[in-house]
Amino acid sequence: MSDLKNKVILTVAPTGAWPSKKDTPYVPLQPKEIADEVYACWKAGASVAHLHVRDDEDKSSMNYDKFVETVGYIRDTDCDIVLNLTTSGQLGLEDEARMRHIIDLKPEMASYDCGSMNWLHTSVFENSPRFLEKLGTVMQENNVKPEIEIFDAGMIYNALYYLKKGILKAPLHFQFVLGAAGGMDATVENLVFLKSLIPADSTWGALGIGKGHLPIMFTALALGGHVRVGMEDNILYSKGVLAKSNVEFVERTKRIVAEFNKEIATPDEARAIMSLTK
């Protein structure tokens, strides 16, 4: 395996919880189209796939059967992309409904949203202490690496508390999610600040939602971090121009990373960087 210091983990988040076919006809929403999009992004070079699912009406969901179907389609191919499943695809669920697919499917990674927040100024994105302790324990029991999603600085301190308590294990992997209404804005200054708070042995990536997409990508690369792209975070390739597939974001990111004299990590290189056990 080549020098990992020069490798950038590229996560693709193809679906998310909010875009609909009315927003863009190109967003994949049902299991087969999500799996096909993940496969195409993997062929283009993506290291990790962060997956959400939708219900039969294409609404945001944590439908267990949809996760089983989507992951099954991907695992039935030669695709070795790292699978990272959300635990937060739908608000207001019981704890078990957010974890059942993790226990049964045992992805290599899953999201661990390290605190509650006012979501889009309309509702509460609840991640209670009870849930976070339960989820961290379940992840350790099933050898699933938490992707600690950070929307605000206080969430980092929550993660450090759970690390000290043994609910999380070092080395931690953080994903800074900037630009969500109710969280920290997608600015260079905010990313620099957040990065300064995490333990030195941590790995991390960042994303900017919407117009913050490229500025945060450039900043993350300049600071030695990893990146995430995809229609979960941004449906526009450029101002007023819809991306026709998630592959377009992957291809552009490869070009940008090359300009930094770096390379996109293969899935196995991503595993090594984040201390995953395949």
Foldseek 3Di string as FASTA:
>chain_A
DDDLLQAFAEEEEQAAADDDVVNPVQGDAAQVSVLVQVVLLLVLPHQEYEYFHAPPVSHFDLDLVRLVSNVVSNVVDPRPHQYEYELQRDPDDDLCSSCVNCLVVVGQEYEQAQAKWCFLVPHIRGDDPVSNLVNLVSCVVSNHAYAHEDQELVSQVSVVVCCVVVSHDPPHEYEYEAPTVGGHHLDLVVVVVSVVSHDPRHAYEYAHAEPSGVVRLVSQVVVSHHYYDYPNRYQAPDVPHGDNGSSVVSNVSQVVSVVVVGGHDHNVSVCVSRVTDD
